[in-house]
Protein backbone atom coordinates (compact mmCIF):
# COMPACT_ATOMS: atom_id res chain seq x y z
CA MET A 1 141.77 203.81 201.74
CA SER A 2 140.22 206.66 200.15
CA PHE A 3 136.32 207.32 200.79
CA TYR A 4 135.93 207.94 197.40
CA LEU A 5 136.34 203.82 196.73
CA TYR A 6 133.89 203.14 199.63
CA ILE A 7 131.12 205.24 197.84
CA ILE A 8 131.99 203.96 194.25
CA LEU A 9 131.90 200.07 195.87
CA ALA A 10 128.64 200.92 197.67
CA TYR A 11 127.12 202.16 194.32
CA LEU A 12 128.31 198.82 192.49
CA LEU A 13 126.53 196.84 195.63
CA VAL A 14 123.54 198.80 194.82
CA LEU A 15 123.74 198.06 190.95
CA THR A 16 124.63 194.36 191.91
CA VAL A 17 121.15 194.09 194.19
CA ILE A 18 119.17 195.67 191.13
CA ASN A 19 121.05 193.23 188.81
CA PHE A 20 119.93 190.20 190.92
CA ILE A 21 116.02 191.49 191.20
CA ARG A 22 116.25 192.00 187.48
CA ALA A 23 117.65 188.91 186.63
CA ARG A 24 114.65 187.02 188.30
CA LYS A 25 112.46 188.38 185.56
CA VAL A 26 114.36 186.53 182.69
CA LYS A 27 112.36 183.97 181.78
CA SER A 28 112.95 183.67 177.71
CA GLN A 29 115.76 184.36 175.24
CA GLU A 30 113.90 187.40 174.34
CA ASP A 31 113.76 188.72 177.65
CA PHE A 32 117.70 188.08 177.98
CA MET A 33 118.64 189.60 174.51
CA VAL A 34 115.99 192.32 174.03
CA ALA A 35 114.36 192.80 177.35
CA GLY A 36 110.96 191.64 176.12
CA ARG A 37 110.61 194.27 173.70
CA LYS A 38 108.98 196.50 176.34
CA LEU A 39 111.53 199.22 176.82
CA LYS A 40 109.78 202.84 177.36
CA TRP A 41 111.25 205.64 175.31
CA SER A 42 112.56 207.37 178.92
CA VAL A 43 114.43 204.18 179.60
CA MET A 44 115.96 203.97 175.99
CA VAL A 45 117.64 207.41 176.01
CA PHE A 46 119.52 206.52 179.03
CA THR A 47 120.54 202.98 177.95
CA LEU A 48 121.19 204.41 174.45
CA ILE A 49 123.79 207.35 176.26
CA CYS A 50 125.47 204.72 178.46
CA THR A 51 126.02 202.63 175.64
CA TRP A 52 127.96 204.95 173.30
CA ILE A 53 129.33 207.22 176.58
CA GLY A 54 132.06 204.65 177.73
CA SER A 55 135.62 204.71 178.47
CA GLY A 56 135.76 205.66 174.84
CA THR A 57 134.83 209.06 175.76
CA PHE A 58 136.10 209.30 179.50
CA ILE A 59 139.56 207.93 179.03
CA SER A 60 140.39 208.01 175.34
CA GLY A 61 138.60 210.94 174.60
CA ALA A 62 140.41 212.43 177.59
CA GLU A 63 143.80 211.16 176.28
CA PHE A 64 143.09 212.64 173.02
CA ALA A 65 142.27 216.00 174.44
CA SER A 66 145.32 215.96 176.45
CA LYS A 67 147.45 215.63 173.25
CA ALA A 68 145.20 217.64 170.78
CA GLY A 69 142.95 219.88 172.98
CA PHE A 70 139.37 220.75 171.77
CA SER A 71 140.25 219.39 168.26
CA ALA A 72 139.73 216.21 169.90
CA LEU A 73 135.81 216.88 169.20
CA TRP A 74 136.52 215.51 165.89
CA LEU A 75 136.37 212.04 167.41
CA SER A 76 132.82 212.61 168.66
CA ALA A 77 131.34 214.92 166.15
CA GLY A 78 131.37 211.58 163.66
CA ALA A 79 129.09 209.91 166.40
CA TRP A 80 126.67 213.03 166.49
CA LEU A 81 126.11 212.87 162.77
CA GLY A 82 125.48 209.18 162.88
CA ILE A 83 122.84 209.49 165.57
CA ILE A 84 120.98 212.35 163.33
CA ILE A 85 121.13 209.61 160.30
CA ILE A 86 120.10 206.62 162.70
CA TYR A 87 117.04 209.01 163.59
CA PHE A 88 115.57 208.23 160.13
CA LEU A 89 116.24 204.59 160.52
CA ALA A 90 115.11 204.05 164.05
CA ALA A 91 111.43 203.06 163.03
CA LYS A 92 112.61 200.82 160.58
CA ILE A 93 114.96 199.06 162.54
CA GLN A 94 112.39 198.73 165.38
CA THR A 95 109.81 197.36 163.07
CA PHE A 96 112.14 194.64 161.99
CA GLY A 97 112.50 193.61 165.28
CA GLN A 98 115.15 190.69 165.58
CA TYR A 99 117.88 190.03 167.74
CA THR A 100 121.26 190.79 166.03
CA ILE A 101 122.52 192.89 162.82
CA GLY A 102 123.18 189.20 161.57
CA ASP A 103 119.42 188.72 160.99
CA ILE A 104 119.69 191.84 158.86
CA LEU A 105 122.53 190.65 156.88
CA GLU A 106 121.49 187.17 156.16
CA VAL A 107 118.02 188.29 154.95
CA ARG A 108 119.38 190.74 152.52
CA TYR A 109 123.00 188.68 151.78
CA GLY A 110 122.66 185.07 152.59
CA PRO A 111 123.72 183.01 155.54
CA TRP A 112 127.61 183.54 154.84
CA ALA A 113 127.20 187.32 155.63
CA ARG A 114 125.69 186.42 158.74
CA ILE A 115 128.79 184.35 159.81
CA PHE A 116 131.45 186.64 158.73
CA GLY A 117 129.43 189.72 160.04
CA ALA A 118 129.48 188.12 163.38
CA ILE A 119 133.32 187.18 163.32
CA ALA A 120 133.94 190.87 162.33
CA LEU A 121 131.60 191.85 165.22
CA VAL A 122 133.21 189.44 167.95
CA ILE A 123 136.70 191.00 167.29
CA SER A 124 135.62 194.37 167.51
CA PHE A 125 133.38 194.29 170.48
CA THR A 126 136.25 192.02 172.35
CA ALA A 127 138.40 194.84 171.84
CA ILE A 128 135.95 197.14 173.48
CA VAL A 129 135.23 195.36 176.17
CA SER A 130 138.98 194.87 176.85
CA TYR A 131 139.60 198.74 177.33
CA GLN A 132 136.40 199.12 179.68
CA PHE A 133 138.48 196.68 182.03
CA VAL A 134 141.72 199.08 181.51
CA ALA A 135 139.58 202.12 181.98
CA GLY A 136 138.39 200.36 185.44
CA GLY A 137 141.82 199.95 186.40
CA PHE A 138 142.64 203.55 186.10
CA ILE A 139 139.52 204.87 187.89
CA LEU A 140 140.20 202.78 190.96
CA ASN A 141 144.01 203.44 191.13
CA VAL A 142 143.08 207.27 191.04
CA ALA A 143 140.23 207.08 193.27
CA THR A 144 142.48 204.87 195.84
CA ASP A 145 145.53 207.29 195.47
CA GLY A 146 147.44 204.25 194.07
CA ALA A 147 146.32 201.88 197.06
CA ILE A 148 144.61 199.66 194.27
CA SER A 149 147.01 199.06 191.48
CA GLU A 150 145.87 199.27 187.77
CA LYS A 151 146.49 195.68 187.28
CA LEU A 152 144.15 194.94 190.57
CA GLY A 153 141.63 197.28 189.44
CA ILE A 154 141.37 195.66 185.99
CA TYR A 155 140.53 192.51 187.86
CA LEU A 156 137.74 193.97 189.77
CA ALA A 157 136.32 195.91 186.76
CA ALA A 158 136.12 192.70 184.54
CA THR A 159 134.71 190.74 187.63
CA PHE A 160 131.79 193.26 188.00
CA VAL A 161 131.18 193.96 184.44
CA ILE A 162 130.97 189.89 183.50
CA LEU A 163 128.74 189.21 186.52
CA PHE A 164 126.28 191.95 185.69
CA THR A 165 126.04 190.88 182.11
CA ALA A 166 125.75 187.07 182.80
CA LEU A 167 123.04 187.74 185.41
CA GLY A 168 120.26 189.56 183.74
CA GLY A 169 121.24 190.32 179.95
CA MET A 170 119.20 193.15 178.42
CA VAL A 171 117.03 193.42 181.28
CA ALA A 172 119.70 194.00 183.59
CA VAL A 173 121.76 196.29 181.06
CA ALA A 174 118.97 198.64 180.37
CA TYR A 175 117.89 199.23 183.88
CA THR A 176 121.52 199.42 185.22
CA ASP A 177 121.84 202.07 182.62
CA LEU A 178 119.06 204.22 183.84
CA PRO A 179 120.77 205.33 187.19
CA ASN A 180 124.21 205.30 185.51
CA GLY A 181 123.09 207.75 182.59
CA ILE A 182 121.41 210.18 185.20
CA ILE A 183 124.88 210.33 187.04
CA ILE A 184 126.76 210.62 183.76
CA VAL A 185 124.86 213.85 182.73
CA LEU A 186 124.71 215.45 186.27
CA ALA A 187 128.19 214.79 186.93
CA CYS A 188 129.16 216.34 183.65
CA LEU A 189 126.71 219.50 184.41
CA LEU A 190 128.18 220.28 187.55
CA SER A 191 131.89 219.61 187.22
CA VAL A 192 132.60 221.96 184.14
CA PRO A 193 132.36 225.31 186.23
CA PHE A 194 134.66 224.18 189.11
CA VAL A 195 137.35 222.58 186.71
CA TYR A 196 137.17 225.94 184.52
CA ALA A 197 137.67 228.05 187.81
CA ALA A 198 140.15 225.88 189.37
CA ALA A 199 142.52 225.94 186.22
CA GLY A 200 142.45 229.68 185.91
CA GLY A 201 139.86 230.13 183.00
CA LEU A 202 140.51 230.46 179.43
CA GLN A 203 143.25 233.14 179.58
CA ALA A 204 145.37 230.81 182.07
CA ALA A 205 144.55 227.75 179.76
CA HIS A 206 145.93 229.94 176.79
CA GLN A 207 149.03 230.75 178.79
CA SER A 208 149.72 227.04 179.71
CA LEU A 209 148.82 225.38 176.43
CA SER A 210 150.22 225.87 172.98
CA PRO A 211 147.59 227.35 170.36
CA GLY A 212 147.11 224.26 168.73
CA TYR A 213 144.92 222.92 171.79
CA PHE A 214 142.64 225.78 170.57
CA SER A 215 142.39 225.21 167.01
CA VAL A 216 140.23 223.30 164.71
CA ILE A 217 142.41 220.78 163.82
CA ASN A 218 145.69 220.44 165.91
CA ASN A 219 149.33 220.06 164.16
CA GLN A 220 149.46 217.08 166.36
CA PHE A 221 147.00 214.69 164.08
CA GLY A 222 149.91 212.46 162.99
CA ALA A 223 151.56 212.78 159.88
CA HIS A 224 148.92 214.31 157.66
CA PRO A 225 146.52 216.37 160.58
CA LEU A 226 143.55 216.93 158.22
CA LEU A 227 143.13 213.11 157.01
CA LYS A 228 143.87 212.01 160.78
CA ALA A 229 140.97 214.22 161.97
CA LEU A 230 139.06 212.86 159.21
CA GLY A 231 139.98 209.49 160.11
CA TYR A 232 138.67 209.65 163.70
CA PHE A 233 135.41 211.66 162.29
CA LEU A 234 134.79 208.72 159.99
CA SER A 235 135.46 205.92 162.51
CA THR A 236 132.98 206.85 164.93
CA LEU A 237 130.60 207.94 162.37
CA PHE A 238 130.64 204.38 160.68
CA LEU A 239 130.81 202.52 163.94
CA LEU A 240 127.57 204.20 165.48
CA LEU A 241 125.88 204.05 161.93
CA GLY A 242 126.12 199.98 162.39
CA VAL A 243 126.70 199.12 165.84
CA GLN A 244 124.76 196.30 167.28
CA SER A 245 124.31 197.44 170.87
CA MET A 246 122.16 200.19 169.39
CA TYR A 247 120.18 198.11 166.94
CA GLN A 248 119.41 195.83 169.87
CA LYS A 249 118.17 198.67 171.91
CA PHE A 250 115.62 199.59 169.22
CA TYR A 251 114.60 195.89 168.87
CA SER A 252 114.11 196.06 172.69
CA ALA A 253 111.71 199.53 172.26
CA ARG A 254 107.98 199.10 172.72
CA SER A 255 107.22 200.73 169.72
CA PRO A 256 108.63 202.51 166.73
CA LYS A 257 107.51 205.87 168.35
CA ASP A 258 109.41 205.12 171.42
CA ALA A 259 112.53 204.36 169.18
CA LYS A 260 112.36 207.54 167.30
CA LYS A 261 111.53 209.71 170.56
CA ALA A 262 114.62 208.31 172.40
CA VAL A 263 116.87 209.18 169.50
CA ILE A 264 116.16 212.91 169.63
CA PHE A 265 116.94 213.05 173.30
CA TRP A 266 119.99 210.59 172.99
CA THR A 267 121.39 213.23 170.36
CA ILE A 268 121.11 216.00 172.97
CA GLY A 269 122.67 213.96 175.74
CA THR A 270 125.44 212.70 173.75
CA ILE A 271 126.60 215.86 172.20
CA PHE A 272 126.26 217.56 175.72
CA VAL A 273 128.31 214.84 177.52
CA GLU A 274 130.99 214.52 175.00
CA THR A 275 131.60 218.19 174.63
CA MET A 276 131.59 218.57 178.71
CA VAL A 277 134.33 215.65 178.88
CA VAL A 278 136.57 217.31 176.31
CA VAL A 279 136.29 220.69 178.34
CA ILE A 280 137.02 219.19 181.49
CA ALA A 281 139.86 217.14 179.94
CA VAL A 282 141.78 220.22 178.41
CA PHE A 283 141.64 222.50 181.29
CA SER A 284 142.67 219.74 183.60
CA TYR A 285 145.55 219.16 181.60
CA SER A 286 146.75 222.62 181.49
CA LYS A 287 146.76 222.41 185.39
CA PHE A 288 148.21 219.09 185.50
CA LYS A 289 150.40 218.84 182.38
CA ASP A 290 153.58 219.02 184.43
CA GLN A 291 152.49 215.59 186.20
CA ILE A 292 151.30 213.79 182.96
CA ASN A 293 154.07 212.40 180.43
CA LEU A 294 152.15 212.19 177.27
CA ASN A 295 154.80 209.86 175.79
CA ILE A 296 153.34 207.22 177.78
CA PRO A 297 150.07 206.53 176.07
CA LYS A 298 147.70 205.87 178.85
CA GLU A 299 148.91 208.87 180.89
CA GLY A 300 146.67 211.29 179.33
CA GLY A 301 143.54 209.35 179.81
CA LYS A 302 143.94 210.16 183.64
CA VAL A 303 142.96 214.05 183.34
CA VAL A 304 139.46 213.60 184.05
CA LEU A 305 140.13 211.56 187.07
CA LEU A 306 142.67 213.88 188.15
CA ALA A 307 140.16 216.64 188.24
CA ALA A 308 137.66 214.80 190.04
CA ARG A 309 140.14 214.27 192.51
CA ASN A 310 141.60 217.79 192.73
CA LEU A 311 139.53 220.39 190.82
CA VAL A 312 136.00 219.89 192.15
CA PRO A 313 134.48 219.92 195.62
CA PRO A 314 134.54 216.17 197.21
CA PRO A 315 130.78 215.70 196.62
CA ILE A 316 131.09 216.70 192.95
CA GLY A 317 134.22 214.52 192.65
CA VAL A 318 132.75 211.54 194.00
CA LEU A 319 129.76 212.15 191.36
CA LEU A 320 132.44 212.37 188.51
CA LEU A 321 134.46 209.34 189.64
CA GLY A 322 131.15 207.61 190.01
CA ALA A 323 130.06 208.62 186.20
CA ALA A 324 133.27 207.40 184.92
CA CYS A 325 132.88 204.17 186.57
CA ALA A 326 129.30 203.97 185.44
CA VAL A 327 130.31 204.24 181.79
CA VAL A 328 132.82 201.80 182.13
CA ILE A 329 130.11 199.13 183.85
CA SER A 330 127.47 200.26 181.50
CA THR A 331 129.51 200.42 178.17
CA GLY A 332 131.38 196.83 179.37
CA MET A 333 127.73 195.14 179.72
CA ASN A 334 126.78 196.54 176.59
CA TYR A 335 129.76 195.50 174.40
CA LEU A 336 129.94 191.97 176.15
CA LEU A 337 126.29 191.20 175.66
CA SER A 338 126.44 191.74 172.01
CA PRO A 339 128.92 189.26 170.72
CA SER A 340 127.55 186.59 173.22
CA GLY A 341 124.38 187.11 171.37
CA ASN A 342 125.77 186.59 167.87
CA LEU A 343 127.65 183.55 168.90
CA ILE A 344 124.41 182.00 170.18
CA HIS A 345 122.01 183.57 167.64
CA ASP A 346 123.87 183.72 164.66
CA ILE A 347 126.06 180.67 165.11
CA TYR A 348 124.56 178.22 167.50
CA GLN A 349 121.17 178.45 166.85
CA ARG A 350 121.21 179.29 163.36
CA PHE A 351 123.41 176.75 162.30
CA ILE A 352 124.01 174.07 165.00
CA ASN A 353 120.80 173.57 167.00
CA ASN A 354 117.98 175.63 165.79
CA SER A 355 115.27 173.63 168.32
CA ALA A 356 117.16 174.54 171.41
CA ASP A 357 114.80 175.71 174.14
CA ASP A 358 114.92 179.01 175.77
CA LYS A 359 116.41 177.78 179.13
CA LYS A 360 119.22 176.35 177.26
CA LEU A 361 119.92 179.19 174.80
CA VAL A 362 120.01 181.57 177.83
CA ALA A 363 122.38 179.13 180.14
CA LEU A 364 124.60 178.96 176.87
CA GLN A 365 124.87 182.68 176.10
CA LYS A 366 125.95 183.27 179.77
CA ILE A 367 128.78 180.79 179.24
CA PHE A 368 129.97 182.68 176.06
CA ILE A 369 129.54 185.66 178.19
CA LEU A 370 132.06 184.26 180.23
CA ILE A 371 134.59 183.18 177.55
CA ILE A 372 134.43 186.50 175.94
CA GLY A 373 134.82 188.43 179.01
CA VAL A 374 138.05 186.26 179.94
CA ILE A 375 139.47 186.87 176.57
CA ALA A 376 138.99 190.59 176.99
CA PHE A 377 140.55 190.62 180.23
CA PHE A 378 143.72 188.94 178.77
CA PHE A 379 143.88 191.66 176.02
CA ALA A 380 143.20 194.27 178.85
CA LEU A 381 146.53 192.98 180.61
CA ARG A 382 148.58 193.74 177.49
CA LEU A 383 146.89 196.98 176.36
CA LYS A 384 149.12 200.26 176.15
CA SER A 385 146.81 202.68 174.62
CA VAL A 386 142.89 203.03 175.00
CA LEU A 387 142.88 205.39 172.45
CA ALA A 388 144.62 203.41 170.00
CA MET A 389 142.68 200.16 170.86
CA SER A 390 139.35 202.05 170.38
CA TYR A 391 140.44 203.27 166.99
CA PHE A 392 141.14 200.00 165.85
CA ALA A 393 137.89 198.72 167.27
CA TYR A 394 135.98 201.51 165.60
CA THR A 395 137.34 200.96 162.27
CA ILE A 396 137.21 197.13 161.91
CA TYR A 397 133.64 197.51 162.78
CA GLY A 398 132.77 200.46 160.80
CA VAL A 399 134.40 199.17 157.48
CA ALA A 400 133.40 195.41 157.92
CA ILE A 401 129.61 195.82 158.84
CA THR A 402 128.20 199.37 158.38
CA PRO A 403 128.47 199.72 154.71
CA ALA A 404 126.67 196.56 154.38
CA LEU A 405 124.40 197.05 156.77
CA ILE A 406 123.09 200.54 155.65
CA ALA A 407 122.96 199.49 151.91
CA ALA A 408 120.51 196.73 153.19
CA LEU A 409 118.20 199.20 154.99
CA ALA A 410 118.50 201.96 152.13
CA TRP A 411 120.06 200.45 148.88
CA LYS A 412 117.56 198.31 146.84
CA ARG A 413 120.28 197.66 144.40
CA ALA A 414 122.66 195.75 146.68
CA THR A 415 123.19 192.32 146.18
CA LYS A 416 124.32 189.37 148.09
CA ALA A 417 127.73 188.79 146.71
CA GLY A 418 128.21 192.87 146.95
CA GLY A 419 127.13 192.91 150.76
CA LEU A 420 129.22 189.71 151.40
CA ALA A 421 132.35 191.04 149.33
CA SER A 422 132.01 194.34 151.66
CA ILE A 423 131.90 192.51 154.76
CA ILE A 424 135.06 190.16 153.88
CA SER A 425 137.12 192.76 152.61
CA GLY A 426 136.77 195.41 154.89
CA THR A 427 137.68 192.94 157.80
CA VAL A 428 140.63 191.45 155.80
CA VAL A 429 142.23 194.95 154.87
CA THR A 430 141.74 196.27 158.30
CA ILE A 431 143.49 193.50 159.92
CA ALA A 432 146.12 193.44 157.51
CA LEU A 433 146.79 197.18 158.03
CA LYS A 434 146.72 196.70 161.86
CA VAL A 435 149.48 194.02 161.38
CA LEU A 436 151.48 196.00 158.89
CA ALA A 437 151.61 199.10 161.57
CA GLU A 438 152.83 196.83 164.10
CA VAL A 439 155.67 195.21 161.88
CA LEU A 440 156.90 198.52 160.06
CA PRO A 441 159.30 200.75 161.58
CA PRO A 442 157.92 203.46 163.97
CA ASP A 443 158.77 206.20 161.54
CA ARG A 444 156.93 204.45 158.76
CA ALA A 445 153.88 204.04 160.92
CA PRO A 446 153.32 207.23 162.90
CA GLU A 447 150.68 206.88 165.66
CA GLY A 448 149.65 203.27 164.02
CA ASP A 449 149.27 204.54 160.61
CA PRO A 450 151.26 202.85 157.68
CA TRP A 451 152.96 205.62 155.92
CA GLY A 452 150.88 208.13 157.73
CA ILE A 453 147.44 207.14 156.28
CA PRO A 454 144.79 206.40 158.96
CA LEU A 455 143.59 202.85 158.82
CA ILE A 456 140.02 203.68 157.93
CA PHE A 457 140.96 205.10 154.43
CA PRO A 458 142.09 202.44 152.55
CA ALA A 459 139.68 199.93 154.39
CA LEU A 460 136.92 201.99 153.73
CA ILE A 461 137.43 202.51 150.22
CA VAL A 462 138.01 198.62 149.70
CA SER A 463 134.67 198.18 151.59
CA ILE A 464 132.41 200.12 149.79
CA GLY A 465 134.16 199.74 146.59
CA SER A 466 133.65 196.20 146.85
CA LEU A 467 129.88 196.62 147.70
CA ILE A 468 128.87 198.90 144.85
CA ILE A 469 131.01 197.36 142.19
CA VAL A 470 130.31 193.70 142.92
CA SER A 471 126.56 194.92 143.37
CA LEU A 472 126.31 196.52 140.01
CA LEU A 473 128.01 193.31 138.23
CA THR A 474 125.64 190.75 139.91
CA LYS A 475 121.79 190.19 139.21
CA ARG A 476 119.77 192.93 140.56
CA PRO A 477 117.88 191.51 143.77
CA GLU A 478 113.94 190.29 143.15
CA GLU A 479 111.42 192.54 144.55
CA LYS A 480 110.18 189.72 146.73
CA GLU A 481 113.80 189.43 148.41
CA LEU A 482 113.40 193.47 149.24
CA GLU A 483 109.96 193.00 150.75
CA THR A 484 110.87 192.80 154.29
CA PHE A 485 112.71 196.27 153.97
CA PHE A 486 110.93 198.14 151.26
CA PRO A 487 107.40 197.10 151.60
CA HIS A 488 104.94 198.23 148.89
CA LYS A 489 102.55 201.03 149.93
């Protein structure tokens, strides 16, 4: 058994101890869901990085870079713009200070918006958790030279993620993310020079790969390359602008100032890590392309892991594999905690039993964490491509939640009917197009896009169109309804 595995397991054991210690400090629902609203900006930076930098970066980003080269950065660039926009909303989000995005949706659009928003979020986040488990299987399989099968790796990853999340909620998430975030940034910083040199540098990569790997938009971007590139860009942009895991971190901040300061360093850290991962993936693929069959969707996702095993010194390889493991654990925890919070806070507490005490709420949320985790695990066993699943998860959340959410914070003219119409239409259209892509002949749905049109374009047009048109056709909100988000100065 590889020494890489022993070191990773030792690290997971350390995280387990940290989680048990932190779990003892959870005394209330506020502790479990938003860490008692006591997070300093320095802790928030790394937990924000870990929330966003998941297997969507290390595995699906690597899979994408193996196929498209440096133009894979279109997938990341949408998030970079989203973070910059979030900077101007961070203080307002922290000041609002609730638990879920359902709280915002109901204040602006009514109780049905909370319910349908929770449904869309649970679908999206369960999908995201599922491919974190798959990524964990990849990592353990590579780290052990195949001694641990990908399926067994999925079992182990699912066990750790579910256990850690159920133990301590946001307290465990935030303080697990602190060492994980440091490892992720350090691993990327140290690995790039070694991978670049081992692959023979830029000249060798140019000789090994087609010119498209170094173009702004690779011609392998589906049936319509420009549309596909913009589709990836928009999917990450709209996911990040509305993703509840980020909003919960802002709710957890000690002050509005801490929230805004954390966003500045989160922006720098995210741009650095995501760019370095693509660099590692491209140069690693130029070295190992004869060993990777890109016709098998998941194969491309292994290039960063192969680099960790073969292109860098063992201590740095351990760090890079540890970083990949860290993002799986951290992102899985974040995206497992959020939907369980929606079920307990937006559904159970809001509509079934609003007088439940903290002890019962925390216990019930732990049960929901287990249920969602098990469902995500079964999705993981059937998953074919991390990239395809991440794109669907990003799209359904981005079109169902984000337009209505941003309008709630920034557009006074948005009405209850308009917001609700946007949430419902975005969810329905995305699911309908996903089903259509599965039943159409492959030549009619290249790369999962019906007739070559990326899912996000028709879904986003319908969602935003519904929001604007229905809002303009219905009565303007009263000033008192807007006071929470647009206070008089």
